Amino acid sequence: MILIGQYDSPFVRRVGIALTLYGMTFEHRPWSIFADADKIRPYNPLTRAPTFVLDDGTVLIESHLVLDYLDSLVPEDRALFPRREPARHRALKVAALATGLADKGVSLFYEKRLHREASTVWVERCRGQILGVLAELEADRAARATSYWFGDRIGHADIAVAVALRFLNEAHPGLARMENYRGLTDHAARLEALPVFRTVAQAFIPPT
């Protein structure tokens, strides 16, 4: 299996972390969606990351789809998303909020970076959405006393929150006053200290 994309992307990183936690062998090609677009296009005409190539040549795109496939390869008690309701949709919601936050962070970065004059309306809309998600995730985490979001074992929801927060703080330093989100920052710090998070990591590299 081949994982295409750089680990400064929270979407690529969450897949790399899951693969590593599952002990699955894969090749990582840290191609940039900008500088290496011509390399990615034959696999994925959207030239987006992650792009994930299975051993039979099948190509999966979007991190949710890739993780769904990886979860299908392991026993239920090892899957990082629960397979039974209502635990499943609760974990999916937290992960969706986190990846949505990251997506808004990407959109906001491109708005500021690629346009001569950023749209004030769009910038404020993205910022409001990001802060709204942070507040909801903070309240949810504060209501839980377990080591991880949904118990004593790491899951995709935990990973999604941690990688999204790292991306947000590196791509948009100072956008949010993180001292207002102590539950989230403590949660992310514990995860970032884990060996797999230190290994599957890359400092944010702004596209040129």
N, C-alpha and C. Protein backbone atom coordinates (compact mmCIF):
# COMPACT_ATOMS: atom_id res chain seq x y z
N MET A 1 0.84 -1.19 0.00
CA MET A 1 0.00 0.00 0.00
C MET A 1 0.88 1.24 0.00
N ILE A 2 0.38 2.28 -0.65
CA ILE A 2 1.14 3.52 -0.80
C ILE A 2 0.29 4.68 -0.29
N LEU A 3 0.86 5.46 0.61
CA LEU A 3 0.20 6.68 1.10
C LEU A 3 0.90 7.88 0.47
N ILE A 4 0.16 8.65 -0.30
CA ILE A 4 0.70 9.81 -0.99
C ILE A 4 0.24 11.08 -0.28
N GLY A 5 1.20 11.93 0.04
CA GLY A 5 0.88 13.20 0.67
C GLY A 5 1.85 13.51 1.79
N GLN A 6 1.92 14.77 2.16
CA GLN A 6 2.84 15.20 3.20
C GLN A 6 2.18 15.18 4.57
N TYR A 7 2.97 14.91 5.60
CA TYR A 7 2.42 14.79 6.94
C TYR A 7 2.11 16.13 7.60
N ASP A 8 2.38 17.24 6.93
CA ASP A 8 1.90 18.51 7.48
C ASP A 8 0.41 18.68 7.21
N SER A 9 -0.14 17.83 6.34
CA SER A 9 -1.59 17.78 6.15
C SER A 9 -2.21 16.95 7.26
N PRO A 10 -3.18 17.49 8.00
CA PRO A 10 -3.81 16.68 9.04
C PRO A 10 -4.53 15.47 8.48
N PHE A 11 -4.98 15.55 7.24
CA PHE A 11 -5.71 14.45 6.63
C PHE A 11 -4.77 13.30 6.27
N VAL A 12 -3.60 13.62 5.75
CA VAL A 12 -2.60 12.59 5.46
C VAL A 12 -2.07 12.01 6.76
N ARG A 13 -1.83 12.90 7.71
CA ARG A 13 -1.22 12.46 8.97
C ARG A 13 -2.12 11.50 9.72
N ARG A 14 -3.43 11.75 9.73
CA ARG A 14 -4.33 10.84 10.47
C ARG A 14 -4.32 9.45 9.86
N VAL A 15 -4.15 9.37 8.54
CA VAL A 15 -4.06 8.06 7.90
C VAL A 15 -2.73 7.39 8.24
N GLY A 16 -1.64 8.15 8.20
CA GLY A 16 -0.33 7.58 8.54
C GLY A 16 -0.28 7.07 9.97
N ILE A 17 -0.90 7.81 10.89
CA ILE A 17 -0.94 7.38 12.29
C ILE A 17 -1.76 6.09 12.42
N ALA A 18 -2.91 6.03 11.76
CA ALA A 18 -3.73 4.82 11.83
C ALA A 18 -2.99 3.61 11.27
N LEU A 19 -2.37 3.78 10.12
CA LEU A 19 -1.60 2.68 9.53
C LEU A 19 -0.53 2.18 10.49
N THR A 20 0.15 3.11 11.15
CA THR A 20 1.22 2.74 12.07
C THR A 20 0.66 2.04 13.30
N LEU A 21 -0.43 2.57 13.84
CA LEU A 21 -1.05 1.92 15.00
C LEU A 21 -1.54 0.52 14.67
N TYR A 22 -2.02 0.33 13.45
CA TYR A 22 -2.49 -0.98 13.03
C TYR A 22 -1.34 -1.93 12.67
N GLY A 23 -0.13 -1.39 12.57
CA GLY A 23 1.01 -2.22 12.21
C GLY A 23 1.00 -2.66 10.77
N MET A 24 0.38 -1.87 9.91
CA MET A 24 0.28 -2.20 8.49
C MET A 24 1.47 -1.64 7.72
N THR A 25 2.02 -2.46 6.87
CA THR A 25 3.16 -2.04 6.06
C THR A 25 2.69 -1.17 4.91
N PHE A 26 3.34 -0.01 4.74
CA PHE A 26 2.97 0.87 3.64
C PHE A 26 4.18 1.69 3.23
N GLU A 27 4.12 2.18 2.01
CA GLU A 27 5.14 3.09 1.50
C GLU A 27 4.59 4.50 1.55
N HIS A 28 5.38 5.41 2.09
CA HIS A 28 4.95 6.81 2.15
C HIS A 28 5.68 7.61 1.08
N ARG A 29 4.90 8.25 0.22
CA ARG A 29 5.47 9.15 -0.78
C ARG A 29 5.05 10.57 -0.41
N PRO A 30 5.96 11.35 0.18
CA PRO A 30 5.61 12.68 0.68
C PRO A 30 5.58 13.73 -0.43
N TRP A 31 4.67 13.51 -1.37
CA TRP A 31 4.57 14.43 -2.50
C TRP A 31 3.66 15.61 -2.15
N SER A 32 4.08 16.77 -2.63
CA SER A 32 3.31 17.99 -2.44
C SER A 32 2.21 18.08 -3.50
N ILE A 33 1.01 18.51 -3.08
CA ILE A 33 -0.08 18.66 -4.05
C ILE A 33 0.17 19.82 -5.00
N PHE A 34 1.14 20.66 -4.67
CA PHE A 34 1.51 21.76 -5.57
C PHE A 34 2.75 21.38 -6.39
N ALA A 35 3.87 21.18 -5.71
CA ALA A 35 5.13 20.93 -6.42
C ALA A 35 5.13 19.60 -7.16
N ASP A 36 4.39 18.62 -6.65
CA ASP A 36 4.41 17.28 -7.23
C ASP A 36 3.07 16.89 -7.84
N ALA A 37 2.30 17.88 -8.24
CA ALA A 37 0.96 17.60 -8.79
C ALA A 37 1.01 16.64 -9.98
N ASP A 38 2.02 16.76 -10.83
CA ASP A 38 2.12 15.88 -12.00
C ASP A 38 2.37 14.43 -11.60
N LYS A 39 2.98 14.21 -10.44
CA LYS A 39 3.19 12.85 -9.96
C LYS A 39 1.90 12.26 -9.40
N ILE A 40 1.10 13.11 -8.75
CA ILE A 40 -0.11 12.64 -8.10
C ILE A 40 -1.24 12.42 -9.10
N ARG A 41 -1.30 13.25 -10.15
CA ARG A 41 -2.44 13.24 -11.08
C ARG A 41 -2.72 11.87 -11.68
N PRO A 42 -1.71 11.07 -12.07
CA PRO A 42 -2.04 9.75 -12.62
C PRO A 42 -2.79 8.84 -11.65
N TYR A 43 -2.62 9.08 -10.37
CA TYR A 43 -3.33 8.29 -9.36
C TYR A 43 -4.67 8.93 -8.99
N ASN A 44 -4.70 10.25 -8.97
CA ASN A 44 -5.88 10.98 -8.49
C ASN A 44 -6.02 12.27 -9.28
N PRO A 45 -6.98 12.36 -10.19
CA PRO A 45 -7.12 13.56 -11.02
C PRO A 45 -7.43 14.81 -10.22
N LEU A 46 -7.90 14.64 -8.97
CA LEU A 46 -8.12 15.80 -8.11
C LEU A 46 -6.82 16.37 -7.56
N THR A 47 -5.75 15.60 -7.68
CA THR A 47 -4.42 15.96 -7.12
C THR A 47 -4.55 16.43 -5.67
N ARG A 48 -5.28 15.64 -4.89
CA ARG A 48 -5.45 15.93 -3.47
C ARG A 48 -4.78 14.85 -2.63
N ALA A 49 -4.54 15.22 -1.38
CA ALA A 49 -3.95 14.27 -0.45
C ALA A 49 -4.86 14.16 0.78
N PRO A 50 -4.99 12.93 1.33
CA PRO A 50 -4.25 11.75 0.94
C PRO A 50 -4.82 11.07 -0.30
N THR A 51 -3.90 10.51 -1.06
CA THR A 51 -4.23 9.55 -2.10
C THR A 51 -3.63 8.22 -1.65
N PHE A 52 -4.43 7.16 -1.66
CA PHE A 52 -4.01 5.89 -1.08
C PHE A 52 -4.17 4.79 -2.12
N VAL A 53 -3.06 4.13 -2.40
CA VAL A 53 -3.03 3.12 -3.45
C VAL A 53 -2.95 1.73 -2.81
N LEU A 54 -3.95 0.90 -3.09
CA LEU A 54 -3.96 -0.46 -2.57
C LEU A 54 -3.02 -1.35 -3.37
N ASP A 55 -2.75 -2.52 -2.83
CA ASP A 55 -1.81 -3.43 -3.49
C ASP A 55 -2.29 -3.88 -4.86
N ASP A 56 -3.60 -3.88 -5.09
CA ASP A 56 -4.11 -4.30 -6.39
C ASP A 56 -4.24 -3.12 -7.37
N GLY A 57 -3.76 -1.94 -6.95
CA GLY A 57 -3.80 -0.77 -7.82
C GLY A 57 -5.01 0.13 -7.61
N THR A 58 -6.01 -0.35 -6.85
CA THR A 58 -7.17 0.49 -6.56
C THR A 58 -6.73 1.73 -5.79
N VAL A 59 -7.30 2.87 -6.14
CA VAL A 59 -6.93 4.12 -5.49
C VAL A 59 -8.10 4.64 -4.66
N LEU A 60 -7.84 4.93 -3.39
CA LEU A 60 -8.83 5.51 -2.50
C LEU A 60 -8.45 6.97 -2.25
N ILE A 61 -9.46 7.84 -2.16
CA ILE A 61 -9.22 9.24 -1.87
C ILE A 61 -10.10 9.67 -0.70
N GLU A 62 -9.69 10.75 -0.04
CA GLU A 62 -10.35 11.28 1.15
C GLU A 62 -10.03 10.41 2.37
N SER A 63 -9.63 11.08 3.44
CA SER A 63 -9.16 10.35 4.62
C SER A 63 -10.25 9.49 5.26
N HIS A 64 -11.49 9.96 5.26
CA HIS A 64 -12.57 9.15 5.85
C HIS A 64 -12.72 7.81 5.13
N LEU A 65 -12.65 7.85 3.81
CA LEU A 65 -12.79 6.61 3.03
C LEU A 65 -11.61 5.68 3.29
N VAL A 66 -10.42 6.25 3.34
CA VAL A 66 -9.23 5.42 3.58
C VAL A 66 -9.33 4.75 4.95
N LEU A 67 -9.70 5.51 5.97
CA LEU A 67 -9.78 4.95 7.31
C LEU A 67 -10.88 3.89 7.42
N ASP A 68 -11.98 4.12 6.71
CA ASP A 68 -13.05 3.13 6.70
C ASP A 68 -12.54 1.81 6.13
N TYR A 69 -11.74 1.90 5.08
CA TYR A 69 -11.16 0.69 4.49
C TYR A 69 -10.19 0.02 5.47
N LEU A 70 -9.32 0.80 6.09
CA LEU A 70 -8.35 0.22 7.02
C LEU A 70 -9.05 -0.45 8.19
N ASP A 71 -10.11 0.18 8.70
CA ASP A 71 -10.86 -0.41 9.81
C ASP A 71 -11.46 -1.76 9.43
N SER A 72 -11.80 -1.91 8.15
CA SER A 72 -12.42 -3.16 7.71
C SER A 72 -11.42 -4.32 7.71
N LEU A 73 -10.14 -4.02 7.81
CA LEU A 73 -9.11 -5.05 7.75
C LEU A 73 -8.73 -5.62 9.11
N VAL A 74 -9.26 -4.99 10.17
CA VAL A 74 -8.87 -5.43 11.52
C VAL A 74 -10.08 -5.95 12.28
N PRO A 75 -9.86 -6.76 13.31
CA PRO A 75 -10.98 -7.24 14.13
C PRO A 75 -11.70 -6.07 14.80
N GLU A 76 -12.94 -6.30 15.16
CA GLU A 76 -13.77 -5.24 15.74
C GLU A 76 -13.12 -4.62 16.98
N ASP A 77 -12.46 -5.45 17.80
CA ASP A 77 -11.91 -4.92 19.04
C ASP A 77 -10.64 -4.10 18.82
N ARG A 78 -10.13 -4.07 17.59
CA ARG A 78 -8.96 -3.24 17.28
C ARG A 78 -9.32 -2.03 16.43
N ALA A 79 -10.51 -2.00 15.88
CA ALA A 79 -10.91 -0.90 15.01
C ALA A 79 -10.93 0.41 15.78
N LEU A 80 -10.43 1.47 15.16
CA LEU A 80 -10.32 2.77 15.83
C LEU A 80 -11.59 3.59 15.76
N PHE A 81 -12.55 3.17 14.94
CA PHE A 81 -13.92 3.67 15.02
C PHE A 81 -14.79 2.52 15.52
N PRO A 82 -15.67 2.76 16.49
CA PRO A 82 -16.59 1.70 16.92
C PRO A 82 -17.45 1.23 15.75
N ARG A 83 -17.83 -0.02 15.78
CA ARG A 83 -18.69 -0.55 14.72
C ARG A 83 -20.14 -0.63 15.15
N ARG A 84 -20.41 -0.39 16.41
CA ARG A 84 -21.77 -0.52 16.92
C ARG A 84 -22.30 0.86 17.34
N GLU A 85 -23.58 1.02 17.17
CA GLU A 85 -24.25 2.26 17.58
C GLU A 85 -24.71 2.15 19.04
N PRO A 86 -24.79 3.27 19.78
CA PRO A 86 -24.60 4.65 19.31
C PRO A 86 -23.16 5.12 19.36
N ALA A 87 -22.24 4.24 19.81
CA ALA A 87 -20.84 4.67 19.95
C ALA A 87 -20.26 5.13 18.60
N ARG A 88 -20.69 4.46 17.53
CA ARG A 88 -20.10 4.79 16.23
C ARG A 88 -20.42 6.22 15.81
N HIS A 89 -21.69 6.60 15.84
CA HIS A 89 -22.00 7.93 15.33
C HIS A 89 -21.49 9.03 16.26
N ARG A 90 -21.34 8.72 17.54
CA ARG A 90 -20.77 9.71 18.45
C ARG A 90 -19.30 9.98 18.13
N ALA A 91 -18.55 8.93 17.86
CA ALA A 91 -17.15 9.09 17.50
C ALA A 91 -17.00 9.75 16.14
N LEU A 92 -17.87 9.36 15.21
CA LEU A 92 -17.83 9.96 13.88
C LEU A 92 -18.10 11.47 13.94
N LYS A 93 -18.99 11.88 14.83
CA LYS A 93 -19.30 13.31 14.94
C LYS A 93 -18.08 14.09 15.40
N VAL A 94 -17.39 13.60 16.43
CA VAL A 94 -16.20 14.30 16.92
C VAL A 94 -15.14 14.38 15.83
N ALA A 95 -14.93 13.27 15.13
CA ALA A 95 -13.94 13.27 14.05
C ALA A 95 -14.34 14.23 12.93
N ALA A 96 -15.63 14.27 12.61
CA ALA A 96 -16.10 15.15 11.55
C ALA A 96 -15.94 16.62 11.93
N LEU A 97 -16.19 16.95 13.19
CA LEU A 97 -15.97 18.32 13.64
C LEU A 97 -14.49 18.69 13.52
N ALA A 98 -13.63 17.78 13.95
CA ALA A 98 -12.20 18.05 13.90
C ALA A 98 -11.69 18.20 12.47
N THR A 99 -12.10 17.30 11.59
CA THR A 99 -11.63 17.41 10.21
C THR A 99 -12.28 18.60 9.50
N GLY A 100 -13.51 18.93 9.90
CA GLY A 100 -14.13 20.13 9.36
C GLY A 100 -13.38 21.38 9.77
N LEU A 101 -12.93 21.41 11.03
CA LEU A 101 -12.10 22.51 11.51
C LEU A 101 -10.83 22.62 10.67
N ALA A 102 -10.18 21.48 10.44
CA ALA A 102 -8.97 21.48 9.64
C ALA A 102 -9.24 21.96 8.21
N ASP A 103 -10.37 21.53 7.65
CA ASP A 103 -10.72 21.94 6.31
C ASP A 103 -10.92 23.45 6.23
N LYS A 104 -11.57 24.03 7.25
CA LYS A 104 -11.73 25.48 7.29
C LYS A 104 -10.39 26.18 7.45
N GLY A 105 -9.48 25.54 8.18
CA GLY A 105 -8.14 26.10 8.31
C GLY A 105 -7.40 26.13 6.99
N VAL A 106 -7.56 25.08 6.20
CA VAL A 106 -6.95 25.03 4.87
C VAL A 106 -7.56 26.11 3.98
N SER A 107 -8.88 26.21 3.99
CA SER A 107 -9.56 27.20 3.18
C SER A 107 -9.13 28.61 3.54
N LEU A 108 -9.01 28.88 4.82
CA LEU A 108 -8.60 30.20 5.29
C LEU A 108 -7.16 30.49 4.88
N PHE A 109 -6.30 29.50 4.96
CA PHE A 109 -4.91 29.70 4.56
C PHE A 109 -4.82 30.07 3.08
N TYR A 110 -5.53 29.33 2.23
CA TYR A 110 -5.48 29.61 0.80
C TYR A 110 -6.08 30.99 0.48
N GLU A 111 -7.13 31.35 1.19
CA GLU A 111 -7.74 32.66 0.98
C GLU A 111 -6.73 33.78 1.22
N LYS A 112 -5.96 33.63 2.29
CA LYS A 112 -4.99 34.67 2.63
C LYS A 112 -3.73 34.59 1.77
N ARG A 113 -3.37 33.38 1.37
CA ARG A 113 -2.09 33.17 0.69
C ARG A 113 -2.19 33.40 -0.82
N LEU A 114 -3.28 32.98 -1.41
CA LEU A 114 -3.35 32.95 -2.87
C LEU A 114 -4.05 34.15 -3.48
N HIS A 115 -4.73 34.94 -2.66
CA HIS A 115 -5.43 36.10 -3.19
C HIS A 115 -4.70 37.38 -2.83
N ARG A 116 -4.66 38.31 -3.78
CA ARG A 116 -4.01 39.58 -3.52
C ARG A 116 -4.65 40.29 -2.31
N GLU A 117 -5.99 40.26 -2.29
CA GLU A 117 -6.74 40.82 -1.17
C GLU A 117 -7.73 39.76 -0.68
N ALA A 118 -7.54 39.33 0.54
CA ALA A 118 -8.42 38.32 1.11
C ALA A 118 -9.79 38.92 1.36
N SER A 119 -10.81 38.11 1.17
CA SER A 119 -12.19 38.52 1.44
C SER A 119 -12.42 38.58 2.95
N THR A 120 -12.73 39.77 3.45
CA THR A 120 -12.99 39.92 4.87
C THR A 120 -14.16 39.06 5.31
N VAL A 121 -15.18 38.99 4.47
CA VAL A 121 -16.37 38.19 4.79
C VAL A 121 -15.99 36.72 4.93
N TRP A 122 -15.20 36.22 3.98
CA TRP A 122 -14.81 34.80 4.02
C TRP A 122 -13.88 34.51 5.18
N VAL A 123 -12.93 35.42 5.43
CA VAL A 123 -12.00 35.22 6.54
C VAL A 123 -12.76 35.15 7.86
N GLU A 124 -13.70 36.06 8.07
CA GLU A 124 -14.45 36.07 9.32
C GLU A 124 -15.38 34.87 9.43
N ARG A 125 -15.92 34.45 8.29
CA ARG A 125 -16.78 33.26 8.32
C ARG A 125 -15.98 32.03 8.75
N CYS A 126 -14.80 31.84 8.14
CA CYS A 126 -13.96 30.69 8.49
C CYS A 126 -13.52 30.77 9.94
N ARG A 127 -13.11 31.94 10.37
CA ARG A 127 -12.67 32.11 11.75
C ARG A 127 -13.81 31.79 12.72
N GLY A 128 -15.01 32.27 12.42
CA GLY A 128 -16.15 31.99 13.27
C GLY A 128 -16.46 30.51 13.34
N GLN A 129 -16.36 29.82 12.20
CA GLN A 129 -16.61 28.38 12.18
C GLN A 129 -15.56 27.63 12.99
N ILE A 130 -14.31 28.03 12.85
CA ILE A 130 -13.22 27.39 13.59
C ILE A 130 -13.41 27.57 15.09
N LEU A 131 -13.69 28.78 15.52
CA LEU A 131 -13.88 29.04 16.94
C LEU A 131 -15.11 28.33 17.48
N GLY A 132 -16.15 28.24 16.67
CA GLY A 132 -17.34 27.52 17.09
C GLY A 132 -17.07 26.05 17.31
N VAL A 133 -16.29 25.44 16.42
CA VAL A 133 -15.94 24.02 16.57
C VAL A 133 -15.06 23.83 17.80
N LEU A 134 -14.09 24.71 17.99
CA LEU A 134 -13.23 24.59 19.17
C LEU A 134 -14.06 24.62 20.45
N ALA A 135 -15.02 25.51 20.50
CA ALA A 135 -15.86 25.62 21.70
C ALA A 135 -16.67 24.34 21.92
N GLU A 136 -17.23 23.80 20.85
CA GLU A 136 -18.03 22.58 21.01
C GLU A 136 -17.17 21.39 21.41
N LEU A 137 -16.01 21.26 20.78
CA LEU A 137 -15.12 20.16 21.13
C LEU A 137 -14.60 20.30 22.56
N GLU A 138 -14.31 21.52 22.96
CA GLU A 138 -13.84 21.76 24.33
C GLU A 138 -14.90 21.33 25.34
N ALA A 139 -16.14 21.71 25.10
CA ALA A 139 -17.21 21.34 26.02
C ALA A 139 -17.40 19.83 26.06
N ASP A 140 -17.31 19.19 24.92
CA ASP A 140 -17.48 17.73 24.85
C ASP A 140 -16.35 17.04 25.62
N ARG A 141 -15.12 17.48 25.39
CA ARG A 141 -13.99 16.83 26.06
C ARG A 141 -14.03 17.07 27.56
N ALA A 142 -14.44 18.27 27.97
CA ALA A 142 -14.47 18.59 29.39
C ALA A 142 -15.49 17.74 30.14
N ALA A 143 -16.48 17.23 29.42
CA ALA A 143 -17.51 16.41 30.05
C ALA A 143 -17.08 14.96 30.21
N ARG A 144 -15.89 14.64 29.76
CA ARG A 144 -15.41 13.25 29.79
C ARG A 144 -14.21 13.13 30.72
N ALA A 145 -14.19 12.08 31.54
CA ALA A 145 -13.11 11.88 32.51
C ALA A 145 -12.14 10.79 32.07
N THR A 146 -12.37 10.20 30.90
CA THR A 146 -11.54 9.09 30.44
C THR A 146 -10.23 9.59 29.81
N SER A 147 -9.26 8.70 29.73
CA SER A 147 -7.95 9.07 29.17
C SER A 147 -8.06 9.52 27.73
N TYR A 148 -8.90 8.81 26.97
CA TYR A 148 -9.15 9.19 25.58
C TYR A 148 -10.61 9.61 25.46
N TRP A 149 -10.99 10.08 24.28
CA TRP A 149 -12.30 10.69 24.14
C TRP A 149 -13.44 9.76 24.53
N PHE A 150 -13.29 8.48 24.11
CA PHE A 150 -14.38 7.54 24.35
C PHE A 150 -13.93 6.32 25.14
N GLY A 151 -13.05 6.52 26.08
CA GLY A 151 -12.65 5.40 26.92
C GLY A 151 -11.16 5.39 27.21
N ASP A 152 -10.63 4.18 27.39
CA ASP A 152 -9.22 4.04 27.76
C ASP A 152 -8.35 3.63 26.59
N ARG A 153 -8.89 3.73 25.36
CA ARG A 153 -8.13 3.33 24.17
C ARG A 153 -8.25 4.41 23.10
N ILE A 154 -7.15 4.69 22.45
CA ILE A 154 -7.13 5.72 21.41
C ILE A 154 -8.04 5.34 20.25
N GLY A 155 -8.65 6.33 19.64
CA GLY A 155 -9.51 6.09 18.49
C GLY A 155 -9.31 7.18 17.44
N HIS A 156 -10.00 7.03 16.33
CA HIS A 156 -9.86 8.00 15.24
C HIS A 156 -10.30 9.40 15.68
N ALA A 157 -11.27 9.49 16.57
CA ALA A 157 -11.70 10.81 17.03
C ALA A 157 -10.56 11.52 17.75
N ASP A 158 -9.85 10.82 18.61
CA ASP A 158 -8.71 11.41 19.31
C ASP A 158 -7.66 11.90 18.32
N ILE A 159 -7.36 11.05 17.36
CA ILE A 159 -6.34 11.39 16.37
C ILE A 159 -6.75 12.61 15.57
N ALA A 160 -8.00 12.64 15.12
CA ALA A 160 -8.48 13.74 14.30
C ALA A 160 -8.36 15.07 15.03
N VAL A 161 -8.73 15.09 16.30
CA VAL A 161 -8.65 16.34 17.07
C VAL A 161 -7.20 16.79 17.20
N ALA A 162 -6.32 15.88 17.55
CA ALA A 162 -4.92 16.25 17.78
C ALA A 162 -4.26 16.78 16.51
N VAL A 163 -4.46 16.09 15.39
CA VAL A 163 -3.79 16.53 14.16
C VAL A 163 -4.39 17.84 13.65
N ALA A 164 -5.69 18.03 13.86
CA ALA A 164 -6.32 19.28 13.44
C ALA A 164 -5.79 20.45 14.26
N LEU A 165 -5.63 20.26 15.57
CA LEU A 165 -5.12 21.34 16.41
C LEU A 165 -3.69 21.70 16.06
N ARG A 166 -2.88 20.70 15.79
CA ARG A 166 -1.50 21.03 15.40
C ARG A 166 -1.48 21.83 14.10
N PHE A 167 -2.25 21.39 13.13
CA PHE A 167 -2.29 22.12 11.86
C PHE A 167 -2.79 23.55 12.07
N LEU A 168 -3.86 23.71 12.83
CA LEU A 168 -4.42 25.04 13.05
C LEU A 168 -3.39 25.97 13.67
N ASN A 169 -2.69 25.49 14.69
CA ASN A 169 -1.75 26.35 15.39
C ASN A 169 -0.49 26.64 14.58
N GLU A 170 -0.12 25.75 13.67
CA GLU A 170 1.04 26.00 12.84
C GLU A 170 0.69 26.86 11.63
N ALA A 171 -0.48 26.63 11.03
CA ALA A 171 -0.88 27.39 9.85
C ALA A 171 -1.44 28.76 10.21
N HIS A 172 -2.06 28.87 11.39
CA HIS A 172 -2.70 30.12 11.81
C HIS A 172 -2.34 30.45 13.26
N PRO A 173 -1.07 30.68 13.54
CA PRO A 173 -0.70 30.98 14.93
C PRO A 173 -1.42 32.23 15.42
N GLY A 174 -2.00 32.12 16.61
CA GLY A 174 -2.68 33.26 17.19
C GLY A 174 -4.12 33.44 16.77
N LEU A 175 -4.62 32.62 15.86
CA LEU A 175 -6.01 32.77 15.44
C LEU A 175 -6.96 32.52 16.60
N ALA A 176 -6.66 31.52 17.39
CA ALA A 176 -7.48 31.20 18.56
C ALA A 176 -6.61 31.29 19.81
N ARG A 177 -7.19 31.79 20.88
CA ARG A 177 -6.49 31.84 22.15
C ARG A 177 -6.60 30.46 22.80
N MET A 178 -5.57 29.65 22.59
CA MET A 178 -5.66 28.25 22.98
C MET A 178 -5.74 28.06 24.48
N GLU A 179 -5.38 29.08 25.26
CA GLU A 179 -5.53 28.95 26.70
C GLU A 179 -7.00 28.87 27.11
N ASN A 180 -7.87 29.22 26.18
CA ASN A 180 -9.31 29.09 26.45
C ASN A 180 -9.83 27.68 26.22
N TYR A 181 -8.94 26.82 25.73
CA TYR A 181 -9.35 25.45 25.37
C TYR A 181 -8.41 24.45 26.03
N ARG A 182 -8.34 24.51 27.36
CA ARG A 182 -7.36 23.69 28.07
C ARG A 182 -7.62 22.20 27.91
N GLY A 183 -8.89 21.81 27.86
CA GLY A 183 -9.17 20.39 27.67
C GLY A 183 -8.63 19.88 26.35
N LEU A 184 -8.82 20.64 25.31
CA LEU A 184 -8.33 20.24 23.99
C LEU A 184 -6.80 20.27 23.92
N THR A 185 -6.21 21.33 24.44
CA THR A 185 -4.75 21.43 24.34
C THR A 185 -4.07 20.34 25.17
N ASP A 186 -4.63 20.04 26.35
CA ASP A 186 -4.05 18.95 27.15
C ASP A 186 -4.20 17.61 26.44
N HIS A 187 -5.37 17.40 25.86
CA HIS A 187 -5.63 16.17 25.11
C HIS A 187 -4.63 16.03 23.96
N ALA A 188 -4.46 17.09 23.19
CA ALA A 188 -3.55 17.04 22.04
C ALA A 188 -2.10 16.85 22.49
N ALA A 189 -1.72 17.51 23.58
CA ALA A 189 -0.34 17.39 24.07
C ALA A 189 -0.03 15.95 24.47
N ARG A 190 -0.98 15.29 25.12
CA ARG A 190 -0.76 13.88 25.51
C ARG A 190 -0.55 13.01 24.29
N LEU A 191 -1.35 13.25 23.26
CA LEU A 191 -1.21 12.44 22.05
C LEU A 191 0.07 12.76 21.30
N GLU A 192 0.40 14.04 21.21
CA GLU A 192 1.61 14.42 20.48
C GLU A 192 2.88 13.87 21.14
N ALA A 193 2.78 13.52 22.42
CA ALA A 193 3.92 12.94 23.12
C ALA A 193 4.10 11.45 22.83
N LEU A 194 3.08 10.82 22.23
CA LEU A 194 3.17 9.39 21.92
C LEU A 194 4.17 9.16 20.78
N PRO A 195 4.90 8.03 20.82
CA PRO A 195 5.90 7.76 19.78
C PRO A 195 5.34 7.83 18.36
N VAL A 196 4.13 7.31 18.14
CA VAL A 196 3.59 7.30 16.78
C VAL A 196 3.34 8.72 16.28
N PHE A 197 2.93 9.62 17.16
CA PHE A 197 2.69 11.00 16.75
C PHE A 197 4.01 11.73 16.49
N ARG A 198 5.05 11.36 17.21
CA ARG A 198 6.35 12.00 16.96
C ARG A 198 6.96 11.48 15.66
N THR A 199 6.67 10.21 15.33
CA THR A 199 7.23 9.63 14.11
C THR A 199 6.47 10.10 12.87
N VAL A 200 5.15 10.09 12.94
CA VAL A 200 4.32 10.49 11.80
C VAL A 200 4.01 11.98 11.97
N ALA A 201 4.96 12.80 11.59
CA ALA A 201 4.84 14.24 11.82
C ALA A 201 5.72 15.00 10.85
N GLN A 202 5.34 16.22 10.60
CA GLN A 202 6.11 17.11 9.74
C GLN A 202 5.68 18.54 10.04
N ALA A 203 6.63 19.42 10.20
CA ALA A 203 6.30 20.82 10.41
C ALA A 203 5.57 21.37 9.19
N PHE A 204 4.66 22.30 9.42
CA PHE A 204 3.87 22.87 8.33
C PHE A 204 4.77 23.59 7.34
N ILE A 205 4.59 23.26 6.06
CA ILE A 205 5.37 23.89 4.99
C ILE A 205 4.40 24.65 4.09
N PRO A 206 4.37 25.98 4.15
CA PRO A 206 3.45 26.73 3.29
C PRO A 206 3.75 26.48 1.82
N PRO A 207 2.73 26.27 1.00
CA PRO A 207 2.97 26.06 -0.44
C PRO A 207 3.53 27.33 -1.07
N THR A 208 4.37 27.12 -2.08
CA THR A 208 4.97 28.27 -2.77
C THR A 208 4.46 28.36 -4.19
